[in-house]
Amino acid sequence: VQLQASGGGLVQAGGSLRLSCKVSGINFRLFLMAWYRQAPGKPRELIAQITSGGSANYTDSVKGRFTISRDNIRRTVFLQMNDPKPEDTGVYYCKARGRTTWGRGTLVTVSS
C-alpha cells in the first residue's frame, strides 16, 4: 500500500485547511481509513476514522471542527480542518486499518 498525504501548510487559528491522502495498492473501497496526528514531542494519535460505508468517528479534541470524508472513485481520503487551534499543529498521516504502512505525512502549523 502507498499513501501520499498532502495539503498541509501554515494556517491561522480559526481558519480552515483541507488535507488529502491518495491511496494505492489496496482495494480502497473495502478499507476503514484513518487520520493520525503527531504533535511535536508527542506520540502519534488517532484523530478521525471513516468506515468503508462512510461512518465517521473522531477524537474529542477535534469533534465538531474536523470532518473526515472519502472518495472511493478517486481512492482518496480527506480531512477538512475548520477552526484549527495551535494545539492542532503536527504532522498528519493517513493509514488503512489492518495495514502497517505509514506513508509520508503532511505538516500542519497553526499560528495563534
PDB file of N, CA and C in Angstrom:
ATOM      1  N   VAL A   1       0.837  -1.181   0.000  1.00  0.00           N
ATOM      2  CA  VAL A   1       0.000   0.000   0.000  1.00  0.00           C
ATOM      3  C   VAL A   1       0.883   1.246   0.000  1.00  0.00           C
ATOM      4  N   GLN A   2       0.435   2.259  -0.746  1.00  0.00           N
ATOM      5  CA  GLN A   2       1.129   3.549  -0.748  1.00  0.00           C
ATOM      6  C   GLN A   2       0.141   4.632  -0.377  1.00  0.00           C
ATOM      7  N   LEU A   3       0.581   5.531   0.494  1.00  0.00           N
ATOM      8  CA  LEU A   3      -0.274   6.610   0.964  1.00  0.00           C
ATOM      9  C   LEU A   3       0.492   7.925   0.834  1.00  0.00           C
ATOM     10  N   GLN A   4      -0.103   8.881   0.197  1.00  0.00           N
ATOM     11  CA  GLN A   4       0.547  10.169  -0.009  1.00  0.00           C
ATOM     12  C   GLN A   4      -0.361  11.270   0.495  1.00  0.00           C
ATOM     13  N   ALA A   5      -0.026  11.810   1.656  1.00  0.00           N
ATOM     14  CA  ALA A   5      -0.799  12.899   2.228  1.00  0.00           C
ATOM     15  C   ALA A   5      -0.311  14.225   1.679  1.00  0.00           C
ATOM     16  N   SER A   6      -1.223  15.164   1.531  1.00  0.00           N
ATOM     17  CA  SER A   6      -0.881  16.495   1.037  1.00  0.00           C
ATOM     18  C   SER A   6      -1.887  17.505   1.573  1.00  0.00           C
ATOM     19  N   GLY A   7      -1.571  18.787   1.352  1.00  0.00           N
ATOM     20  CA  GLY A   7      -2.495  19.841   1.735  1.00  0.00           C
ATOM     21  C   GLY A   7      -2.109  20.587   2.988  1.00  0.00           C
ATOM     22  N   GLY A   8      -1.054  20.152   3.654  1.00  0.00           N
ATOM     23  CA  GLY A   8      -0.639  20.830   4.863  1.00  0.00           C
ATOM     24  C   GLY A   8      -0.014  22.178   4.572  1.00  0.00           C
ATOM     25  N   GLY A   9       0.259  22.908   5.631  1.00  0.00           N
ATOM     26  CA  GLY A   9       0.865  24.227   5.493  1.00  0.00           C
ATOM     27  C   GLY A   9       0.652  25.046   6.731  1.00  0.00           C
ATOM     28  N   LEU A  10       0.847  26.335   6.595  1.00  0.00           N
ATOM     29  CA  LEU A  10       0.656  27.268   7.701  1.00  0.00           C
ATOM     30  C   LEU A  10      -0.741  27.861   7.609  1.00  0.00           C
ATOM     31  N   VAL A  11      -1.468  27.804   8.707  1.00  0.00           N
ATOM     32  CA  VAL A  11      -2.822  28.345   8.745  1.00  0.00           C
ATOM     33  C   VAL A  11      -3.002  29.094  10.060  1.00  0.00           C
ATOM     34  N   GLN A  12      -3.781  30.157  10.007  1.00  0.00           N
ATOM     35  CA  GLN A  12      -4.065  30.907  11.224  1.00  0.00           C
ATOM     36  C   GLN A  12      -5.152  30.207  12.027  1.00  0.00           C
ATOM     37  N   ALA A  13      -5.076  30.330  13.318  1.00  0.00           N
ATOM     38  CA  ALA A  13      -6.127  29.796  14.171  1.00  0.00           C
ATOM     39  C   ALA A  13      -7.463  30.383  13.739  1.00  0.00           C
ATOM     40  N   GLY A  14      -8.465  29.516  13.657  1.00  0.00           N
ATOM     41  CA  GLY A  14      -9.778  29.949  13.223  1.00  0.00           C
ATOM     42  C   GLY A  14      -9.999  29.878  11.728  1.00  0.00           C
ATOM     43  N   GLY A  15      -8.954  29.556  10.984  1.00  0.00           N
ATOM     44  CA  GLY A  15      -9.065  29.438   9.532  1.00  0.00           C
ATOM     45  C   GLY A  15      -9.573  28.072   9.125  1.00  0.00           C
ATOM     46  N   SER A  16      -9.129  27.609   7.969  1.00  0.00           N
ATOM     47  CA  SER A  16      -9.510  26.270   7.522  1.00  0.00           C
ATOM     48  C   SER A  16      -8.432  25.716   6.608  1.00  0.00           C
ATOM     49  N   LEU A  17      -8.405  24.398   6.530  1.00  0.00           N
ATOM     50  CA  LEU A  17      -7.426  23.704   5.718  1.00  0.00           C
ATOM     51  C   LEU A  17      -8.012  22.348   5.352  1.00  0.00           C
ATOM     52  N   ARG A  18      -7.706  21.872   4.156  1.00  0.00           N
ATOM     53  CA  ARG A  18      -8.197  20.565   3.732  1.00  0.00           C
ATOM     54  C   ARG A  18      -7.028  19.673   3.358  1.00  0.00           C
ATOM     55  N   LEU A  19      -6.924  18.568   4.058  1.00  0.00           N
ATOM     56  CA  LEU A  19      -5.882  17.588   3.769  1.00  0.00           C
ATOM     57  C   LEU A  19      -6.443  16.499   2.864  1.00  0.00           C
ATOM     58  N   SER A  20      -5.564  15.952   2.013  1.00  0.00           N
ATOM     59  CA  SER A  20      -5.934  14.839   1.144  1.00  0.00           C
ATOM     60  C   SER A  20      -4.922  13.726   1.310  1.00  0.00           C
ATOM     61  N   CYS A  21      -5.363  12.511   1.070  1.00  0.00           N
ATOM     62  CA  CYS A  21      -4.448  11.370   1.091  1.00  0.00           C
ATOM     63  C   CYS A  21      -4.840  10.436  -0.032  1.00  0.00           C
ATOM     64  N   LYS A  22      -3.965  10.327  -1.004  1.00  0.00           N
ATOM     65  CA  LYS A  22      -4.185   9.450  -2.145  1.00  0.00           C
ATOM     66  C   LYS A  22      -3.636   8.069  -1.807  1.00  0.00           C
ATOM     67  N   VAL A  23      -4.435   7.054  -2.049  1.00  0.00           N
ATOM     68  CA  VAL A  23      -4.078   5.688  -1.651  1.00  0.00           C
ATOM     69  C   VAL A  23      -3.999   4.785  -2.880  1.00  0.00           C
ATOM     70  N   SER A  24      -3.002   3.933  -2.900  1.00  0.00           N
ATOM     71  CA  SER A  24      -2.890   2.944  -3.968  1.00  0.00           C
ATOM     72  C   SER A  24      -2.371   1.633  -3.393  1.00  0.00           C
ATOM     73  N   GLY A  25      -2.564   0.561  -4.136  1.00  0.00           N
ATOM     74  CA  GLY A  25      -2.030  -0.727  -3.722  1.00  0.00           C
ATOM     75  C   GLY A  25      -2.978  -1.589  -2.918  1.00  0.00           C
ATOM     76  N   ILE A  26      -4.169  -1.095  -2.626  1.00  0.00           N
ATOM     77  CA  ILE A  26      -5.182  -1.863  -1.910  1.00  0.00           C
ATOM     78  C   ILE A  26      -6.526  -1.612  -2.573  1.00  0.00           C
ATOM     79  N   ASN A  27      -7.499  -2.465  -2.252  1.00  0.00           N
ATOM     80  CA  ASN A  27      -8.856  -2.233  -2.715  1.00  0.00           C
ATOM     81  C   ASN A  27      -9.470  -1.194  -1.782  1.00  0.00           C
ATOM     82  N   PHE A  28      -9.250   0.041  -2.109  1.00  0.00           N
ATOM     83  CA  PHE A  28      -9.519   1.169  -1.206  1.00  0.00           C
ATOM     84  C   PHE A  28     -10.924   1.132  -0.627  1.00  0.00           C
ATOM     85  N   ARG A  29     -11.900   0.835  -1.444  1.00  0.00           N
ATOM     86  CA  ARG A  29     -13.294   0.959  -1.000  1.00  0.00           C
ATOM     87  C   ARG A  29     -13.624  -0.017   0.138  1.00  0.00           C
ATOM     88  N   LEU A  30     -12.805  -1.042   0.336  1.00  0.00           N
ATOM     89  CA  LEU A  30     -13.080  -2.044   1.366  1.00  0.00           C
ATOM     90  C   LEU A  30     -12.478  -1.706   2.728  1.00  0.00           C
ATOM     91  N   PHE A  31     -11.620  -0.691   2.775  1.00  0.00           N
ATOM     92  CA  PHE A  31     -10.846  -0.428   3.977  1.00  0.00           C
ATOM     93  C   PHE A  31     -11.369   0.748   4.779  1.00  0.00           C
ATOM     94  N   LEU A  32     -11.373   0.570   6.101  1.00  0.00           N
ATOM     95  CA  LEU A  32     -11.520   1.706   7.002  1.00  0.00           C
ATOM     96  C   LEU A  32     -10.256   2.543   6.882  1.00  0.00           C
ATOM     97  N   MET A  33     -10.431   3.849   6.774  1.00  0.00           N
ATOM     98  CA  MET A  33      -9.296   4.761   6.658  1.00  0.00           C
ATOM     99  C   MET A  33      -9.272   5.705   7.852  1.00  0.00           C
ATOM    100  N   ALA A  34      -8.072   6.091   8.235  1.00  0.00           N
ATOM    101  CA  ALA A  34      -7.927   6.919   9.427  1.00  0.00           C
ATOM    102  C   ALA A  34      -6.895   8.016   9.210  1.00  0.00           C
ATOM    103  N   TRP A  35      -7.079   9.091   9.945  1.00  0.00           N
ATOM    104  CA  TRP A  35      -6.084  10.165  10.032  1.00  0.00           C
ATOM    105  C   TRP A  35      -5.477  10.131  11.424  1.00  0.00           C
ATOM    106  N   TYR A  36      -4.167  10.271  11.463  1.00  0.00           N
ATOM    107  CA  TYR A  36      -3.429  10.354  12.706  1.00  0.00           C
ATOM    108  C   TYR A  36      -2.677  11.680  12.728  1.00  0.00           C
ATOM    109  N   ARG A  37      -2.362  12.114  13.919  1.00  0.00           N
ATOM    110  CA  ARG A  37      -1.587  13.339  14.088  1.00  0.00           C
ATOM    111  C   ARG A  37      -0.443  13.068  15.077  1.00  0.00           C
ATOM    112  N   GLN A  38       0.723  13.599  14.724  1.00  0.00           N
ATOM    113  CA  GLN A  38       1.843  13.547  15.666  1.00  0.00           C
ATOM    114  C   GLN A  38       2.300  14.959  15.942  1.00  0.00           C
ATOM    115  N   ALA A  39       1.984  15.428  17.140  1.00  0.00           N
ATOM    116  CA  ALA A  39       2.395  16.766  17.559  1.00  0.00           C
ATOM    117  C   ALA A  39       3.848  16.708  18.007  1.00  0.00           C
ATOM    118  N   PRO A  40       4.539  17.845  17.982  1.00  0.00           N
ATOM    119  CA  PRO A  40       5.950  17.867  18.396  1.00  0.00           C
ATOM    120  C   PRO A  40       6.147  17.296  19.785  1.00  0.00           C
ATOM    121  N   GLY A  41       7.017  16.323  19.905  1.00  0.00           N
ATOM    122  CA  GLY A  41       7.331  15.748  21.197  1.00  0.00           C
ATOM    123  C   GLY A  41       6.288  14.810  21.777  1.00  0.00           C
ATOM    124  N   LYS A  42       5.287  14.475  20.975  1.00  0.00           N
ATOM    125  CA  LYS A  42       4.209  13.612  21.459  1.00  0.00           C
ATOM    126  C   LYS A  42       4.057  12.389  20.564  1.00  0.00           C
ATOM    127  N   PRO A  43       3.456  11.337  21.096  1.00  0.00           N
ATOM    128  CA  PRO A  43       3.238  10.149  20.250  1.00  0.00           C
ATOM    129  C   PRO A  43       2.148  10.395  19.214  1.00  0.00           C
ATOM    130  N   ARG A  44       2.172   9.587  18.190  1.00  0.00           N
ATOM    131  CA  ARG A  44       1.156   9.676  17.153  1.00  0.00           C
ATOM    132  C   ARG A  44      -0.200   9.261  17.728  1.00  0.00           C
ATOM    133  N   GLU A  45      -1.244  10.012  17.395  1.00  0.00           N
ATOM    134  CA  GLU A  45      -2.571   9.704  17.930  1.00  0.00           C
ATOM    135  C   GLU A  45      -3.600   9.641  16.809  1.00  0.00           C
ATOM    136  N   LEU A  46      -4.563   8.764  17.002  1.00  0.00           N
ATOM    137  CA  LEU A  46      -5.678   8.649  16.070  1.00  0.00           C
ATOM    138  C   LEU A  46      -6.648   9.794  16.309  1.00  0.00           C
ATOM    139  N   ILE A  47      -7.010  10.530  15.263  1.00  0.00           N
ATOM    140  CA  ILE A  47      -7.932  11.644  15.454  1.00  0.00           C
ATOM    141  C   ILE A  47      -9.251  11.478  14.715  1.00  0.00           C
ATOM    142  N   ALA A  48      -9.270  10.699  13.642  1.00  0.00           N
ATOM    143  CA  ALA A  48     -10.514  10.524  12.896  1.00  0.00           C
ATOM    144  C   ALA A  48     -10.420   9.258  12.059  1.00  0.00           C
ATOM    145  N   GLN A  49     -11.550   8.600  11.881  1.00  0.00           N
ATOM    146  CA  GLN A  49     -11.583   7.428  11.029  1.00  0.00           C
ATOM    147  C   GLN A  49     -12.928   7.327  10.334  1.00  0.00           C
ATOM    148  N   ILE A  50     -12.927   6.666   9.192  1.00  0.00           N
ATOM    149  CA  ILE A  50     -14.144   6.531   8.406  1.00  0.00           C
ATOM    150  C   ILE A  50     -14.206   5.112   7.853  1.00  0.00           C
ATOM    151  N   THR A  51     -15.358   4.486   8.022  1.00  0.00           N
ATOM    152  CA  THR A  51     -15.526   3.118   7.558  1.00  0.00           C
ATOM    153  C   THR A  51     -15.725   3.082   6.049  1.00  0.00           C
ATOM    154  N   SER A  52     -15.717   1.883   5.504  1.00  0.00           N
ATOM    155  CA  SER A  52     -15.948   1.740   4.077  1.00  0.00           C
ATOM    156  C   SER A  52     -17.339   2.245   3.692  1.00  0.00           C
ATOM    157  N   GLY A  53     -18.264   2.198   4.650  1.00  0.00           N
ATOM    158  CA  GLY A  53     -19.617   2.674   4.384  1.00  0.00           C
ATOM    159  C   GLY A  53     -19.822   4.145   4.640  1.00  0.00           C
ATOM    160  N   GLY A  54     -18.772   4.818   5.131  1.00  0.00           N
ATOM    161  CA  GLY A  54     -18.869   6.265   5.322  1.00  0.00           C
ATOM    162  C   GLY A  54     -19.178   6.732   6.733  1.00  0.00           C
ATOM    163  N   SER A  55     -19.228   5.815   7.694  1.00  0.00           N
ATOM    164  CA  SER A  55     -19.451   6.233   9.084  1.00  0.00           C
ATOM    165  C   SER A  55     -18.149   6.752   9.673  1.00  0.00           C
ATOM    166  N   ALA A  56     -18.247   7.894  10.353  1.00  0.00           N
ATOM    167  CA  ALA A  56     -17.049   8.570  10.860  1.00  0.00           C
ATOM    168  C   ALA A  56     -17.046   8.639  12.379  1.00  0.00           C
ATOM    169  N   ASN A  57     -15.845   8.623  12.940  1.00  0.00           N
ATOM    170  CA  ASN A  57     -15.643   8.822  14.367  1.00  0.00           C
ATOM    171  C   ASN A  57     -14.465   9.749  14.571  1.00  0.00           C
ATOM    172  N   TYR A  58     -14.508  10.499  15.679  1.00  0.00           N
ATOM    173  CA  TYR A  58     -13.478  11.499  15.947  1.00  0.00           C
ATOM    174  C   TYR A  58     -13.028  11.430  17.396  1.00  0.00           C
ATOM    175  N   THR A  59     -11.793  11.810  17.625  1.00  0.00           N
ATOM    176  CA  THR A  59     -11.363  12.008  18.991  1.00  0.00           C
ATOM    177  C   THR A  59     -11.990  13.306  19.495  1.00  0.00           C
ATOM    178  N   ASP A  60     -12.187  13.382  20.812  1.00  0.00           N
ATOM    179  CA  ASP A  60     -12.922  14.512  21.368  1.00  0.00           C
ATOM    180  C   ASP A  60     -12.306  15.867  21.017  1.00  0.00           C
ATOM    181  N   SER A  61     -11.000  15.925  20.918  1.00  0.00           N
ATOM    182  CA  SER A  61     -10.339  17.220  20.722  1.00  0.00           C
ATOM    183  C   SER A  61     -10.637  17.849  19.359  1.00  0.00           C
ATOM    184  N   VAL A  62     -11.077  17.058  18.387  1.00  0.00           N
ATOM    185  CA  VAL A  62     -11.357  17.615  17.054  1.00  0.00           C
ATOM    186  C   VAL A  62     -12.834  17.530  16.693  1.00  0.00           C
ATOM    187  N   LYS A  63     -13.612  16.876  17.529  1.00  0.00           N
ATOM    188  CA  LYS A  63     -15.029  16.681  17.229  1.00  0.00           C
ATOM    189  C   LYS A  63     -15.717  18.032  17.068  1.00  0.00           C
ATOM    190  N   GLY A  64     -16.491  18.163  15.994  1.00  0.00           N
ATOM    191  CA  GLY A  64     -17.205  19.408  15.729  1.00  0.00           C
ATOM    192  C   GLY A  64     -16.393  20.412  14.923  1.00  0.00           C
ATOM    193  N   ARG A  65     -15.108  20.156  14.747  1.00  0.00           N
ATOM    194  CA  ARG A  65     -14.250  21.071  13.982  1.00  0.00           C
ATOM    195  C   ARG A  65     -13.684  20.409  12.730  1.00  0.00           C
ATOM    196  N   PHE A  66     -13.352  19.146  12.827  1.00  0.00           N
ATOM    197  CA  PHE A  66     -12.760  18.423  11.693  1.00  0.00           C
ATOM    198  C   PHE A  66     -13.791  17.465  11.103  1.00  0.00           C
ATOM    199  N   THR A  67     -13.693  17.249   9.799  1.00  0.00           N
ATOM    200  CA  THR A  67     -14.577  16.295   9.115  1.00  0.00           C
ATOM    201  C   THR A  67     -13.752  15.399   8.215  1.00  0.00           C
ATOM    202  N   ILE A  68     -13.896  14.104   8.411  1.00  0.00           N
ATOM    203  CA  ILE A  68     -13.236  13.133   7.541  1.00  0.00           C
ATOM    204  C   ILE A  68     -14.231  12.679   6.473  1.00  0.00           C
ATOM    205  N   SER A  69     -13.741  12.502   5.272  1.00  0.00           N
ATOM    206  CA  SER A  69     -14.594  12.017   4.189  1.00  0.00           C
ATOM    207  C   SER A  69     -13.737  11.204   3.226  1.00  0.00           C
ATOM    208  N   ARG A  70     -14.385  10.540   2.299  1.00  0.00           N
ATOM    209  CA  ARG A  70     -13.649   9.699   1.358  1.00  0.00           C
ATOM    210  C   ARG A  70     -14.310   9.731  -0.006  1.00  0.00           C
ATOM    211  N   ASP A  71     -13.500   9.531  -1.023  1.00  0.00           N
ATOM    212  CA  ASP A  71     -13.975   9.417  -2.397  1.00  0.00           C
ATOM    213  C   ASP A  71     -13.433   8.095  -2.929  1.00  0.00           C
ATOM    214  N   ASN A  72     -14.292   7.099  -3.004  1.00  0.00           N
ATOM    215  CA  ASN A  72     -13.828   5.770  -3.390  1.00  0.00           C
ATOM    216  C   ASN A  72     -13.427   5.696  -4.861  1.00  0.00           C
ATOM    217  N   ILE A  73     -13.984   6.580  -5.679  1.00  0.00           N
ATOM    218  CA  ILE A  73     -13.594   6.591  -7.092  1.00  0.00           C
ATOM    219  C   ILE A  73     -12.178   7.123  -7.234  1.00  0.00           C
ATOM    220  N   ARG A  74     -11.874   8.183  -6.505  1.00  0.00           N
ATOM    221  CA  ARG A  74     -10.548   8.796  -6.565  1.00  0.00           C
ATOM    222  C   ARG A  74      -9.560   8.164  -5.587  1.00  0.00           C
ATOM    223  N   ARG A  75     -10.037   7.177  -4.796  1.00  0.00           N
ATOM    224  CA  ARG A  75      -9.174   6.472  -3.853  1.00  0.00           C
ATOM    225  C   ARG A  75      -8.467   7.465  -2.921  1.00  0.00           C
ATOM    226  N   THR A  76      -9.238   8.389  -2.425  1.00  0.00           N
ATOM    227  CA  THR A  76      -8.678   9.472  -1.627  1.00  0.00           C
ATOM    228  C   THR A  76      -9.513   9.661  -0.368  1.00  0.00           C
ATOM    229  N   VAL A  77      -8.822   9.925   0.725  1.00  0.00           N
ATOM    230  CA  VAL A  77      -9.485  10.279   1.974  1.00  0.00           C
ATOM    231  C   VAL A  77      -9.097  11.713   2.318  1.00  0.00           C
ATOM    232  N   PHE A  78     -10.062  12.461   2.851  1.00  0.00           N
ATOM    233  CA  PHE A  78      -9.882  13.880   3.126  1.00  0.00           C
ATOM    234  C   PHE A  78     -10.051  14.171   4.614  1.00  0.00           C
ATOM    235  N   LEU A  79      -9.446  15.272   5.040  1.00  0.00           N
ATOM    236  CA  LEU A  79      -9.686  15.783   6.387  1.00  0.00           C
ATOM    237  C   LEU A  79      -9.886  17.290   6.268  1.00  0.00           C
ATOM    238  N   GLN A  80     -11.119  17.724   6.450  1.00  0.00           N
ATOM    239  CA  GLN A  80     -11.431  19.147   6.455  1.00  0.00           C
ATOM    240  C   GLN A  80     -11.225  19.663   7.867  1.00  0.00           C
ATOM    241  N   MET A  81     -10.321  20.614   8.004  1.00  0.00           N
ATOM    242  CA  MET A  81      -9.978  21.173   9.307  1.00  0.00           C
ATOM    243  C   MET A  81     -10.548  22.575   9.389  1.00  0.00           C
ATOM    244  N   ASN A  82     -11.590  22.747  10.165  1.00  0.00           N
ATOM    245  CA  ASN A  82     -12.178  24.061  10.403  1.00  0.00           C
ATOM    246  C   ASN A  82     -11.855  24.516  11.821  1.00  0.00           C
ATOM    247  N   ASP A  83     -11.693  25.810  11.976  1.00  0.00           N
ATOM    248  CA  ASP A  83     -11.371  26.386  13.281  1.00  0.00           C
ATOM    249  C   ASP A  83     -10.179  25.684  13.926  1.00  0.00           C
ATOM    250  N   PRO A  84      -9.082  25.532  13.212  1.00  0.00           N
ATOM    251  CA  PRO A  84      -7.929  24.885  13.833  1.00  0.00           C
ATOM    252  C   PRO A  84      -7.359  25.740  14.955  1.00  0.00           C
ATOM    253  N   LYS A  85      -6.718  25.052  15.888  1.00  0.00           N
ATOM    254  CA  LYS A  85      -6.117  25.713  17.045  1.00  0.00           C
ATOM    255  C   LYS A  85      -4.615  25.408  17.046  1.00  0.00           C
ATOM    256  N   PRO A  86      -3.842  26.210  17.746  1.00  0.00           N
ATOM    257  CA  PRO A  86      -2.390  25.953  17.779  1.00  0.00           C
ATOM    258  C   PRO A  86      -2.054  24.526  18.223  1.00  0.00           C
ATOM    259  N   GLU A  87      -2.868  23.948  19.089  1.00  0.00           N
ATOM    260  CA  GLU A  87      -2.593  22.581  19.555  1.00  0.00           C
ATOM    261  C   GLU A  87      -2.872  21.531  18.485  1.00  0.00           C
ATOM    262  N   ASP A  88      -3.414  21.933  17.346  1.00  0.00           N
ATOM    263  CA  ASP A  88      -3.592  21.008  16.225  1.00  0.00           C
ATOM    264  C   ASP A  88      -2.328  20.903  15.370  1.00  0.00           C
ATOM    265  N   THR A  89      -1.328  21.683  15.709  1.00  0.00           N
ATOM    266  CA  THR A  89      -0.069  21.634  14.965  1.00  0.00           C
ATOM    267  C   THR A  89       0.557  20.248  15.047  1.00  0.00           C
ATOM    268  N   GLY A  90       1.045  19.766  13.914  1.00  0.00           N
ATOM    269  CA  GLY A  90       1.693  18.470  13.883  1.00  0.00           C
ATOM    270  C   GLY A  90       1.771  17.924  12.480  1.00  0.00           C
ATOM    271  N   VAL A  91       2.324  16.732  12.368  1.00  0.00           N
ATOM    272  CA  VAL A  91       2.367  16.028  11.091  1.00  0.00           C
ATOM    273  C   VAL A  91       1.174  15.095  11.026  1.00  0.00           C
ATOM    274  N   TYR A  92       0.444  15.184   9.956  1.00  0.00           N
ATOM    275  CA  TYR A  92      -0.773  14.396   9.768  1.00  0.00           C
ATOM    276  C   TYR A  92      -0.501  13.263   8.781  1.00  0.00           C
ATOM    277  N   TYR A  93      -0.940  12.077   9.176  1.00  0.00           N
ATOM    278  CA  TYR A  93      -0.751  10.877   8.366  1.00  0.00           C
ATOM    279  C   TYR A  93      -2.106  10.200   8.144  1.00  0.00           C
ATOM    280  N   CYS A  94      -2.247   9.567   7.001  1.00  0.00           N
ATOM    281  CA  CYS A  94      -3.405   8.701   6.822  1.00  0.00           C
ATOM    282  C   CYS A  94      -2.927   7.252   6.848  1.00  0.00           C
ATOM    283  N   LYS A  95      -3.841   6.366   7.149  1.00  0.00           N
ATOM    284  CA  LYS A  95      -3.491   4.947   7.262  1.00  0.00           C
ATOM    285  C   LYS A  95      -4.710   4.100   6.974  1.00  0.00           C
ATOM    286  N   ALA A  96      -4.466   2.951   6.377  1.00  0.00           N
ATOM    287  CA  ALA A  96      -5.523   1.970   6.152  1.00  0.00           C
ATOM    288  C   ALA A  96      -5.521   0.984   7.311  1.00  0.00           C
ATOM    289  N   ARG A  97      -6.686   0.734   7.890  1.00  0.00           N
ATOM    290  CA  ARG A  97      -6.790  -0.184   9.009  1.00  0.00           C
ATOM    291  C   ARG A  97      -6.342  -1.576   8.599  1.00  0.00           C
ATOM    292  N   GLY A  98      -5.539  -2.190   9.450  1.00  0.00           N
ATOM    293  CA  GLY A  98      -5.074  -3.537   9.179  1.00  0.00           C
ATOM    294  C   GLY A  98      -3.795  -3.604   8.372  1.00  0.00           C
ATOM    295  N   ARG A  99      -3.336  -2.449   7.930  1.00  0.00           N
ATOM    296  CA  ARG A  99      -2.071  -2.383   7.206  1.00  0.00           C
ATOM    297  C   ARG A  99      -1.067  -1.621   8.057  1.00  0.00           C
ATOM    298  N   THR A 100       0.195  -2.033   8.008  1.00  0.00           N
ATOM    299  CA  THR A 100       1.211  -1.439   8.863  1.00  0.00           C
ATOM    300  C   THR A 100       1.948  -0.283   8.207  1.00  0.00           C
ATOM    301  N   THR A 101       1.685  -0.035   6.955  1.00  0.00           N
ATOM    302  CA  THR A 101       2.419   1.003   6.224  1.00  0.00           C
ATOM    303  C   THR A 101       1.979   2.398   6.632  1.00  0.00           C
ATOM    304  N   TRP A 102       2.974   3.236   6.910  1.00  0.00           N
ATOM    305  CA  TRP A 102       2.750   4.665   7.136  1.00  0.00           C
ATOM    306  C   TRP A 102       3.356   5.395   5.945  1.00  0.00           C
ATOM    307  N   GLY A 103       2.573   6.196   5.308  1.00  0.00           N
ATOM    308  CA  GLY A 103       3.097   6.990   4.220  1.00  0.00           C
ATOM    309  C   GLY A 103       3.741   8.261   4.736  1.00  0.00           C
ATOM    310  N   ARG A 104       4.183   9.078   3.812  1.00  0.00           N
ATOM    311  CA  ARG A 104       4.731  10.375   4.172  1.00  0.00           C
ATOM    312  C   ARG A 104       3.599  11.267   4.643  1.00  0.00           C
ATOM    313  N   GLY A 105       3.754  11.888   5.786  1.00  0.00           N
ATOM    314  CA  GLY A 105       2.729  12.767   6.309  1.00  0.00           C
ATOM    315  C   GLY A 105       2.822  14.158   5.722  1.00  0.00           C
ATOM    316  N   THR A 106       1.918  14.998   6.190  1.00  0.00           N
ATOM    317  CA  THR A 106       1.919  16.395   5.759  1.00  0.00           C
ATOM    318  C   THR A 106       1.875  17.278   6.998  1.00  0.00           C
ATOM    319  N   LEU A 107       2.741  18.289   7.031  1.00  0.00           N
ATOM    320  CA  LEU A 107       2.883  19.132   8.219  1.00  0.00           C
ATOM    321  C   LEU A 107       1.851  20.245   8.221  1.00  0.00           C
ATOM    322  N   VAL A 108       1.166  20.368   9.335  1.00  0.00           N
ATOM    323  CA  VAL A 108       0.218  21.466   9.557  1.00  0.00           C
ATOM    324  C   VAL A 108       0.727  22.300  10.722  1.00  0.00           C
ATOM    325  N   THR A 109       0.844  23.587  10.490  1.00  0.00           N
ATOM    326  CA  THR A 109       1.261  24.511  11.540  1.00  0.00           C
ATOM    327  C   THR A 109       0.169  25.549  11.700  1.00  0.00           C
ATOM    328  N   VAL A 110      -0.373  25.633  12.913  1.00  0.00           N
ATOM    329  CA  VAL A 110      -1.445  26.578  13.204  1.00  0.00           C
ATOM    330  C   VAL A 110      -0.873  27.699  14.055  1.00  0.00           C
ATOM    331  N   SER A 111      -0.955  28.898  13.526  1.00  0.00           N
ATOM    332  CA  SER A 111      -0.430  30.059  14.247  1.00  0.00           C
ATOM    333  C   SER A 111      -1.543  30.730  15.040  1.00  0.00           C
ATOM    334  N   SER A 112      -1.164  31.282  16.160  1.00  0.00           N
ATOM    335  CA  SER A 112      -2.169  31.933  17.025  1.00  0.00           C
ATOM    336  C   SER A 112      -2.338  33.395  16.670  1.00  0.00           C
TER     337      SER A 112
END
